[in-house]
mmCIF file of all heavy atoms, coordinates in Angstrom:
data_MODEL
# 
_entry.id   MODEL 
# 
loop_
_atom_site.group_PDB 
_atom_site.id 
_atom_site.type_symbol 
_atom_site.label_atom_id 
_atom_site.label_alt_id 
_atom_site.label_comp_id 
_atom_site.label_asym_id 
_atom_site.label_entity_id 
_atom_site.label_seq_id 
_atom_site.pdbx_PDB_ins_code 
_atom_site.Cartn_x 
_atom_site.Cartn_y 
_atom_site.Cartn_z 
_atom_site.occupancy 
_atom_site.B_iso_or_equiv 
_atom_site.pdbx_formal_charge 
_atom_site.auth_seq_id 
_atom_site.auth_comp_id 
_atom_site.auth_asym_id 
_atom_site.auth_atom_id 
_atom_site.pdbx_PDB_model_num 
ATOM 1   N N   . LEU A 1 1  ? 107.993 82.678 98.068  1.00 0.00 ? 1  LEU A N   1 
ATOM 2   C CA  . LEU A 1 1  ? 108.644 83.645 98.985  1.00 0.00 ? 1  LEU A CA  1 
ATOM 3   C C   . LEU A 1 1  ? 107.578 84.608 99.490  1.00 0.00 ? 1  LEU A C   1 
ATOM 4   O O   . LEU A 1 1  ? 106.969 85.376 98.713  1.00 0.00 ? 1  LEU A O   1 
ATOM 5   C CB  . LEU A 1 1  ? 109.744 84.416 98.212  1.00 0.00 ? 1  LEU A CB  1 
ATOM 6   C CG  . LEU A 1 1  ? 110.358 85.644 98.950  1.00 0.00 ? 1  LEU A CG  1 
ATOM 7   C CD1 . LEU A 1 1  ? 111.012 85.193 100.253 1.00 0.00 ? 1  LEU A CD1 1 
ATOM 8   C CD2 . LEU A 1 1  ? 111.367 86.321 98.032  1.00 0.00 ? 1  LEU A CD2 1 
ATOM 9   N N   . ALA A 1 2  ? 107.265 84.513 100.783 1.00 0.00 ? 2  ALA A N   1 
ATOM 10  C CA  . ALA A 1 2  ? 106.177 85.277 101.387 1.00 0.00 ? 2  ALA A CA  1 
ATOM 11  C C   . ALA A 1 2  ? 106.726 86.140 102.503 1.00 0.00 ? 2  ALA A C   1 
ATOM 12  O O   . ALA A 1 2  ? 107.327 85.597 103.462 1.00 0.00 ? 2  ALA A O   1 
ATOM 13  C CB  . ALA A 1 2  ? 105.095 84.358 101.893 1.00 0.00 ? 2  ALA A CB  1 
ATOM 14  N N   . PHE A 1 3  ? 106.550 87.439 102.435 1.00 0.00 ? 3  PHE A N   1 
ATOM 15  C CA  . PHE A 1 3  ? 107.058 88.333 103.484 1.00 0.00 ? 3  PHE A CA  1 
ATOM 16  C C   . PHE A 1 3  ? 106.315 89.648 103.432 1.00 0.00 ? 3  PHE A C   1 
ATOM 17  O O   . PHE A 1 3  ? 105.735 90.050 102.420 1.00 0.00 ? 3  PHE A O   1 
ATOM 18  C CB  . PHE A 1 3  ? 108.554 88.570 103.289 1.00 0.00 ? 3  PHE A CB  1 
ATOM 19  C CG  . PHE A 1 3  ? 108.906 89.326 102.049 1.00 0.00 ? 3  PHE A CG  1 
ATOM 20  C CD1 . PHE A 1 3  ? 109.046 90.688 102.016 1.00 0.00 ? 3  PHE A CD1 1 
ATOM 21  C CD2 . PHE A 1 3  ? 109.106 88.642 100.837 1.00 0.00 ? 3  PHE A CD2 1 
ATOM 22  C CE1 . PHE A 1 3  ? 109.348 91.389 100.833 1.00 0.00 ? 3  PHE A CE1 1 
ATOM 23  C CE2 . PHE A 1 3  ? 109.396 89.304 99.649  1.00 0.00 ? 3  PHE A CE2 1 
ATOM 24  C CZ  . PHE A 1 3  ? 109.553 90.695 99.671  1.00 0.00 ? 3  PHE A CZ  1 
ATOM 25  N N   . GLY A 1 4  ? 106.294 90.350 104.579 1.00 0.00 ? 4  GLY A N   1 
ATOM 26  C CA  . GLY A 1 4  ? 105.815 91.730 104.613 1.00 0.00 ? 4  GLY A CA  1 
ATOM 27  C C   . GLY A 1 4  ? 104.323 91.935 104.432 1.00 0.00 ? 4  GLY A C   1 
ATOM 28  O O   . GLY A 1 4  ? 103.871 93.082 104.400 1.00 0.00 ? 4  GLY A O   1 
ATOM 29  N N   . ASN A 1 5  ? 103.550 90.845 104.321 1.00 0.00 ? 5  ASN A N   1 
ATOM 30  C CA  . ASN A 1 5  ? 102.113 91.008 104.223 1.00 0.00 ? 5  ASN A CA  1 
ATOM 31  C C   . ASN A 1 5  ? 101.558 91.395 105.608 1.00 0.00 ? 5  ASN A C   1 
ATOM 32  O O   . ASN A 1 5  ? 102.065 90.920 106.635 1.00 0.00 ? 5  ASN A O   1 
ATOM 33  C CB  . ASN A 1 5  ? 101.466 89.729 103.721 1.00 0.00 ? 5  ASN A CB  1 
ATOM 34  C CG  . ASN A 1 5  ? 101.947 89.370 102.331 1.00 0.00 ? 5  ASN A CG  1 
ATOM 35  O OD1 . ASN A 1 5  ? 101.622 90.047 101.350 1.00 0.00 ? 5  ASN A OD1 1 
ATOM 36  N ND2 . ASN A 1 5  ? 102.802 88.328 102.260 1.00 0.00 ? 5  ASN A ND2 1 
ATOM 37  N N   . GLU A 1 6  ? 100.528 92.210 105.639 1.00 0.00 ? 6  GLU A N   1 
ATOM 38  C CA  . GLU A 1 6  ? 100.084 92.820 106.902 1.00 0.00 ? 6  GLU A CA  1 
ATOM 39  C C   . GLU A 1 6  ? 99.382  91.818 107.851 1.00 0.00 ? 6  GLU A C   1 
ATOM 40  O O   . GLU A 1 6  ? 99.357  92.016 109.025 1.00 0.00 ? 6  GLU A O   1 
ATOM 41  C CB  . GLU A 1 6  ? 99.139  93.992 106.608 1.00 0.00 ? 6  GLU A CB  1 
ATOM 42  C CG  . GLU A 1 6  ? 98.914  94.873 107.819 1.00 0.00 ? 6  GLU A CG  1 
ATOM 43  C CD  . GLU A 1 6  ? 98.012  96.044 107.489 1.00 0.00 ? 6  GLU A CD  1 
ATOM 44  O OE1 . GLU A 1 6  ? 98.025  96.523 106.349 1.00 0.00 ? 6  GLU A OE1 1 
ATOM 45  O OE2 . GLU A 1 6  ? 97.256  96.501 108.388 1.00 0.00 ? 6  GLU A OE2 1 
ATOM 46  N N   . GLY A 1 7  ? 98.868  90.738 107.306 1.00 0.00 ? 7  GLY A N   1 
ATOM 47  C CA  . GLY A 1 7  ? 98.245  89.701 108.121 1.00 0.00 ? 7  GLY A CA  1 
ATOM 48  C C   . GLY A 1 7  ? 99.131  88.486 108.101 1.00 0.00 ? 7  GLY A C   1 
ATOM 49  O O   . GLY A 1 7  ? 100.337 88.506 108.248 1.00 0.00 ? 7  GLY A O   1 
ATOM 50  N N   . GLN A 1 8  ? 98.480  87.279 107.894 1.00 0.00 ? 8  GLN A N   1 
ATOM 51  C CA  . GLN A 1 8  ? 99.261  86.087 107.703 1.00 0.00 ? 8  GLN A CA  1 
ATOM 52  C C   . GLN A 1 8  ? 99.902  86.075 106.320 1.00 0.00 ? 8  GLN A C   1 
ATOM 53  O O   . GLN A 1 8  ? 99.358  86.633 105.360 1.00 0.00 ? 8  GLN A O   1 
ATOM 54  C CB  . GLN A 1 8  ? 98.375  84.830 107.880 1.00 0.00 ? 8  GLN A CB  1 
ATOM 55  C CG  . GLN A 1 8  ? 97.981  84.577 109.310 1.00 0.00 ? 8  GLN A CG  1 
ATOM 56  C CD  . GLN A 1 8  ? 96.589  85.044 109.643 1.00 0.00 ? 8  GLN A CD  1 
ATOM 57  O OE1 . GLN A 1 8  ? 96.057  85.980 108.969 1.00 0.00 ? 8  GLN A OE1 1 
ATOM 58  N NE2 . GLN A 1 8  ? 95.962  84.463 110.620 1.00 0.00 ? 8  GLN A NE2 1 
ATOM 59  N N   . GLN A 1 9  ? 101.044 85.389 106.260 1.00 0.00 ? 9  GLN A N   1 
ATOM 60  C CA  . GLN A 1 9  ? 101.727 85.335 104.979 1.00 0.00 ? 9  GLN A CA  1 
ATOM 61  C C   . GLN A 1 9  ? 101.068 84.282 104.073 1.00 0.00 ? 9  GLN A C   1 
ATOM 62  O O   . GLN A 1 9  ? 100.816 84.517 102.874 1.00 0.00 ? 9  GLN A O   1 
ATOM 63  C CB  . GLN A 1 9  ? 103.197 84.963 105.184 1.00 0.00 ? 9  GLN A CB  1 
ATOM 64  C CG  . GLN A 1 9  ? 103.912 85.871 106.168 1.00 0.00 ? 9  GLN A CG  1 
ATOM 65  C CD  . GLN A 1 9  ? 103.823 87.349 105.813 1.00 0.00 ? 9  GLN A CD  1 
ATOM 66  O OE1 . GLN A 1 9  ? 104.073 87.773 104.644 1.00 0.00 ? 9  GLN A OE1 1 
ATOM 67  N NE2 . GLN A 1 9  ? 103.457 88.189 106.784 1.00 0.00 ? 9  GLN A NE2 1 
ATOM 68  N N   . LEU A 1 10 ? 100.692 83.102 104.639 1.00 0.00 ? 10 LEU A N   1 
ATOM 69  C CA  . LEU A 1 10 ? 100.065 82.001 103.903 1.00 0.00 ? 10 LEU A CA  1 
ATOM 70  C C   . LEU A 1 10 ? 98.968  81.433 104.737 1.00 0.00 ? 10 LEU A C   1 
ATOM 71  O O   . LEU A 1 10 ? 99.130  81.181 105.943 1.00 0.00 ? 10 LEU A O   1 
ATOM 72  C CB  . LEU A 1 10 ? 101.092 80.921 103.563 1.00 0.00 ? 10 LEU A CB  1 
ATOM 73  C CG  . LEU A 1 10 ? 102.337 81.314 102.758 1.00 0.00 ? 10 LEU A CG  1 
ATOM 74  C CD1 . LEU A 1 10 ? 103.271 80.140 102.628 1.00 0.00 ? 10 LEU A CD1 1 
ATOM 75  C CD2 . LEU A 1 10 ? 101.942 81.870 101.365 1.00 0.00 ? 10 LEU A CD2 1 
ATOM 76  N N   . LYS A 1 11 ? 97.820  81.138 104.100 1.00 0.00 ? 11 LYS A N   1 
ATOM 77  C CA  . LYS A 1 11 ? 96.677  80.557 104.810 1.00 0.00 ? 11 LYS A CA  1 
ATOM 78  C C   . LYS A 1 11 ? 96.003  79.503 103.930 1.00 0.00 ? 11 LYS A C   1 
ATOM 79  O O   . LYS A 1 11 ? 95.854  79.746 102.738 1.00 0.00 ? 11 LYS A O   1 
ATOM 80  C CB  . LYS A 1 11 ? 95.621  81.618 105.156 1.00 0.00 ? 11 LYS A CB  1 
ATOM 81  C CG  . LYS A 1 11 ? 96.161  82.721 106.074 1.00 0.00 ? 11 LYS A CG  1 
ATOM 82  C CD  . LYS A 1 11 ? 95.192  83.873 106.215 1.00 0.00 ? 11 LYS A CD  1 
ATOM 83  C CE  . LYS A 1 11 ? 93.984  83.568 107.067 1.00 0.00 ? 11 LYS A CE  1 
ATOM 84  N NZ  . LYS A 1 11 ? 93.154  84.798 107.303 1.00 0.00 ? 11 LYS A NZ  1 
ATOM 85  N N   . VAL A 1 12 ? 95.611  78.391 104.513 1.00 0.00 ? 12 VAL A N   1 
ATOM 86  C CA  . VAL A 1 12 ? 94.926  77.345 103.781 1.00 0.00 ? 12 VAL A CA  1 
ATOM 87  C C   . VAL A 1 12 ? 93.803  76.733 104.675 1.00 0.00 ? 12 VAL A C   1 
ATOM 88  O O   . VAL A 1 12 ? 94.079  76.401 105.799 1.00 0.00 ? 12 VAL A O   1 
ATOM 89  C CB  . VAL A 1 12 ? 95.871  76.214 103.338 1.00 0.00 ? 12 VAL A CB  1 
ATOM 90  C CG1 . VAL A 1 12 ? 95.121  75.213 102.490 1.00 0.00 ? 12 VAL A CG1 1 
ATOM 91  C CG2 . VAL A 1 12 ? 97.060  76.773 102.568 1.00 0.00 ? 12 VAL A CG2 1 
ATOM 92  N N   . GLY A 1 13 ? 92.616  76.591 104.101 1.00 0.00 ? 13 GLY A N   1 
ATOM 93  C CA  . GLY A 1 13 ? 91.529  75.952 104.822 1.00 0.00 ? 13 GLY A CA  1 
ATOM 94  C C   . GLY A 1 13 ? 91.121  74.612 104.244 1.00 0.00 ? 13 GLY A C   1 
ATOM 95  O O   . GLY A 1 13 ? 90.288  73.923 104.818 1.00 0.00 ? 13 GLY A O   1 
ATOM 96  N N   . ALA A 1 14 ? 91.727  74.242 103.126 1.00 0.00 ? 14 ALA A N   1 
ATOM 97  C CA  . ALA A 1 14 ? 91.486  72.920 102.520 1.00 0.00 ? 14 ALA A CA  1 
ATOM 98  C C   . ALA A 1 14 ? 92.629  72.010 102.854 1.00 0.00 ? 14 ALA A C   1 
ATOM 99  O O   . ALA A 1 14 ? 93.507  72.336 103.649 1.00 0.00 ? 14 ALA A O   1 
ATOM 100 C CB  . ALA A 1 14 ? 91.351  73.086 101.003 1.00 0.00 ? 14 ALA A CB  1 
ATOM 101 N N   . VAL A 1 15 ? 92.646  70.825 102.264 1.00 0.00 ? 15 VAL A N   1 
ATOM 102 C CA  . VAL A 1 15 ? 93.804  69.948 102.371 1.00 0.00 ? 15 VAL A CA  1 
ATOM 103 C C   . VAL A 1 15 ? 95.010  70.671 101.820 1.00 0.00 ? 15 VAL A C   1 
ATOM 104 O O   . VAL A 1 15 ? 94.983  71.148 100.668 1.00 0.00 ? 15 VAL A O   1 
ATOM 105 C CB  . VAL A 1 15 ? 93.553  68.629 101.610 1.00 0.00 ? 15 VAL A CB  1 
ATOM 106 C CG1 . VAL A 1 15 ? 94.799  67.743 101.651 1.00 0.00 ? 15 VAL A CG1 1 
ATOM 107 C CG2 . VAL A 1 15 ? 92.381  67.891 102.177 1.00 0.00 ? 15 VAL A CG2 1 
ATOM 108 N N   . SER A 1 16 ? 96.072  70.809 102.605 1.00 0.00 ? 16 SER A N   1 
ATOM 109 C CA  . SER A 1 16 ? 97.134  71.742 102.228 1.00 0.00 ? 16 SER A CA  1 
ATOM 110 C C   . SER A 1 16 ? 98.482  71.060 102.110 1.00 0.00 ? 16 SER A C   1 
ATOM 111 O O   . SER A 1 16 ? 98.810  70.085 102.787 1.00 0.00 ? 16 SER A O   1 
ATOM 112 C CB  . SER A 1 16 ? 97.275  72.848 103.271 1.00 0.00 ? 16 SER A CB  1 
ATOM 113 O OG  . SER A 1 16 ? 97.602  72.308 104.540 1.00 0.00 ? 16 SER A OG  1 
ATOM 114 N N   . THR A 1 17 ? 99.278  71.605 101.184 1.00 0.00 ? 17 THR A N   1 
ATOM 115 C CA  . THR A 1 17 ? 100.681 71.238 101.004 1.00 0.00 ? 17 THR A CA  1 
ATOM 116 C C   . THR A 1 17 ? 101.457 72.528 100.870 1.00 0.00 ? 17 THR A C   1 
ATOM 117 O O   . THR A 1 17 ? 101.222 73.338 99.990  1.00 0.00 ? 17 THR A O   1 
ATOM 118 C CB  . THR A 1 17 ? 100.868 70.407 99.741  1.00 0.00 ? 17 THR A CB  1 
ATOM 119 O OG1 . THR A 1 17 ? 100.170 69.163 99.847  1.00 0.00 ? 17 THR A OG1 1 
ATOM 120 C CG2 . THR A 1 17 ? 102.349 70.088 99.511  1.00 0.00 ? 17 THR A CG2 1 
ATOM 121 N N   . ILE A 1 18 ? 102.398 72.749 101.806 1.00 0.00 ? 18 ILE A N   1 
ATOM 122 C CA  . ILE A 1 18 ? 103.307 73.892 101.771 1.00 0.00 ? 18 ILE A CA  1 
ATOM 123 C C   . ILE A 1 18 ? 104.729 73.334 101.812 1.00 0.00 ? 18 ILE A C   1 
ATOM 124 O O   . ILE A 1 18 ? 105.130 72.715 102.774 1.00 0.00 ? 18 ILE A O   1 
ATOM 125 C CB  . ILE A 1 18 ? 103.061 74.867 102.901 1.00 0.00 ? 18 ILE A CB  1 
ATOM 126 C CG1 . ILE A 1 18 ? 101.620 75.371 102.870 1.00 0.00 ? 18 ILE A CG1 1 
ATOM 127 C CG2 . ILE A 1 18 ? 104.061 76.043 102.853 1.00 0.00 ? 18 ILE A CG2 1 
ATOM 128 C CD1 . ILE A 1 18 ? 101.249 76.249 104.074 1.00 0.00 ? 18 ILE A CD1 1 
ATOM 129 N N   . GLN A 1 19 ? 105.463 73.534 100.760 1.00 0.00 ? 19 GLN A N   1 
ATOM 130 C CA  . GLN A 1 19 ? 106.801 72.939 100.607 1.00 0.00 ? 19 GLN A CA  1 
ATOM 131 C C   . GLN A 1 19 ? 107.771 73.917 99.964  1.00 0.00 ? 19 GLN A C   1 
ATOM 132 O O   . GLN A 1 19 ? 107.399 74.745 99.123  1.00 0.00 ? 19 GLN A O   1 
ATOM 133 C CB  . GLN A 1 19 ? 106.756 71.657 99.768  1.00 0.00 ? 19 GLN A CB  1 
ATOM 134 C CG  . GLN A 1 19 ? 105.956 70.518 100.382 1.00 0.00 ? 19 GLN A CG  1 
ATOM 135 C CD  . GLN A 1 19 ? 105.793 69.329 99.459  1.00 0.00 ? 19 GLN A CD  1 
ATOM 136 O OE1 . GLN A 1 19 ? 105.611 69.515 98.244  1.00 0.00 ? 19 GLN A OE1 1 
ATOM 137 N NE2 . GLN A 1 19 ? 105.821 68.134 100.007 1.00 0.00 ? 19 GLN A NE2 1 
ATOM 138 N N   . ASN A 1 20 ? 109.066 73.788 100.347 1.00 0.00 ? 20 ASN A N   1 
ATOM 139 C CA  . ASN A 1 20 ? 110.147 74.519 99.685  1.00 0.00 ? 20 ASN A CA  1 
ATOM 140 C C   . ASN A 1 20 ? 109.921 76.041 99.669  1.00 0.00 ? 20 ASN A C   1 
ATOM 141 O O   . ASN A 1 20 ? 110.281 76.720 98.699  1.00 0.00 ? 20 ASN A O   1 
ATOM 142 C CB  . ASN A 1 20 ? 110.327 74.035 98.235  1.00 0.00 ? 20 ASN A CB  1 
ATOM 143 C CG  . ASN A 1 20 ? 111.238 72.844 98.126  1.00 0.00 ? 20 ASN A CG  1 
ATOM 144 O OD1 . ASN A 1 20 ? 112.042 72.550 99.022  1.00 0.00 ? 20 ASN A OD1 1 
ATOM 145 N ND2 . ASN A 1 20 ? 111.096 72.086 97.052  1.00 0.00 ? 20 ASN A ND2 1 
ATOM 146 N N   . SER A 1 21 ? 109.342 76.577 100.735 1.00 0.00 ? 21 SER A N   1 
ATOM 147 C CA  . SER A 1 21 ? 108.994 77.998 100.725 1.00 0.00 ? 21 SER A CA  1 
ATOM 148 C C   . SER A 1 21 ? 109.770 78.763 101.778 1.00 0.00 ? 21 SER A C   1 
ATOM 149 O O   . SER A 1 21 ? 110.165 78.201 102.844 1.00 0.00 ? 21 SER A O   1 
ATOM 150 C CB  . SER A 1 21 ? 107.465 78.183 100.972 1.00 0.00 ? 21 SER A CB  1 
ATOM 151 O OG  . SER A 1 21 ? 106.762 77.664 99.849  1.00 0.00 ? 21 SER A OG  1 
ATOM 152 N N   . LEU A 1 22 ? 110.023 80.040 101.499 1.00 0.00 ? 22 LEU A N   1 
ATOM 153 C CA  . LEU A 1 22 ? 110.659 80.959 102.424 1.00 0.00 ? 22 LEU A CA  1 
ATOM 154 C C   . LEU A 1 22 ? 109.594 81.913 102.973 1.00 0.00 ? 22 LEU A C   1 
ATOM 155 O O   . LEU A 1 22 ? 108.920 82.585 102.214 1.00 0.00 ? 22 LEU A O   1 
ATOM 156 C CB  . LEU A 1 22 ? 111.739 81.744 101.684 1.00 0.00 ? 22 LEU A CB  1 
ATOM 157 C CG  . LEU A 1 22 ? 112.882 80.952 101.062 1.00 0.00 ? 22 LEU A CG  1 
ATOM 158 C CD1 . LEU A 1 22 ? 113.748 81.853 100.180 1.00 0.00 ? 22 LEU A CD1 1 
ATOM 159 C CD2 . LEU A 1 22 ? 113.749 80.309 102.144 1.00 0.00 ? 22 LEU A CD2 1 
ATOM 160 N N   . ILE A 1 23 ? 109.455 81.928 104.266 1.00 0.00 ? 23 ILE A N   1 
ATOM 161 C CA  . ILE A 1 23 ? 108.389 82.707 104.909 1.00 0.00 ? 23 ILE A CA  1 
ATOM 162 C C   . ILE A 1 23 ? 108.978 83.591 105.999 1.00 0.00 ? 23 ILE A C   1 
ATOM 163 O O   . ILE A 1 23 ? 109.698 83.106 106.883 1.00 0.00 ? 23 ILE A O   1 
ATOM 164 C CB  . ILE A 1 23 ? 107.365 81.730 105.525 1.00 0.00 ? 23 ILE A CB  1 
ATOM 165 C CG1 . ILE A 1 23 ? 106.833 80.730 104.492 1.00 0.00 ? 23 ILE A CG1 1 
ATOM 166 C CG2 . ILE A 1 23 ? 106.194 82.486 106.139 1.00 0.00 ? 23 ILE A CG2 1 
ATOM 167 C CD1 . ILE A 1 23 ? 106.170 79.518 105.056 1.00 0.00 ? 23 ILE A CD1 1 
ATOM 168 N N   . VAL A 1 24 ? 108.665 84.876 105.948 1.00 0.00 ? 24 VAL A N   1 
ATOM 169 C CA  . VAL A 1 24 ? 109.163 85.808 106.933 1.00 0.00 ? 24 VAL A CA  1 
ATOM 170 C C   . VAL A 1 24 ? 107.950 86.473 107.594 1.00 0.00 ? 24 VAL A C   1 
ATOM 171 O O   . VAL A 1 24 ? 107.151 87.151 106.906 1.00 0.00 ? 24 VAL A O   1 
ATOM 172 C CB  . VAL A 1 24 ? 110.080 86.876 106.324 1.00 0.00 ? 24 VAL A CB  1 
ATOM 173 C CG1 . VAL A 1 24 ? 110.622 87.798 107.435 1.00 0.00 ? 24 VAL A CG1 1 
ATOM 174 C CG2 . VAL A 1 24 ? 111.260 86.219 105.560 1.00 0.00 ? 24 VAL A CG2 1 
ATOM 175 N N   . GLY A 1 25 ? 107.830 86.307 108.883 1.00 0.00 ? 25 GLY A N   1 
ATOM 176 C CA  . GLY A 1 25 ? 106.685 86.852 109.615 1.00 0.00 ? 25 GLY A CA  1 
ATOM 177 C C   . GLY A 1 25 ? 106.947 88.279 110.073 1.00 0.00 ? 25 GLY A C   1 
ATOM 178 O O   . GLY A 1 25 ? 106.906 88.568 111.280 1.00 0.00 ? 25 GLY A O   1 
# 
């Protein structure tokens, strides 16, 4: 659960897997 962070909520520069997540920009 990612929300309210001042920049990006989630960031990945490697091989990435983002699953089953709640993200509020």
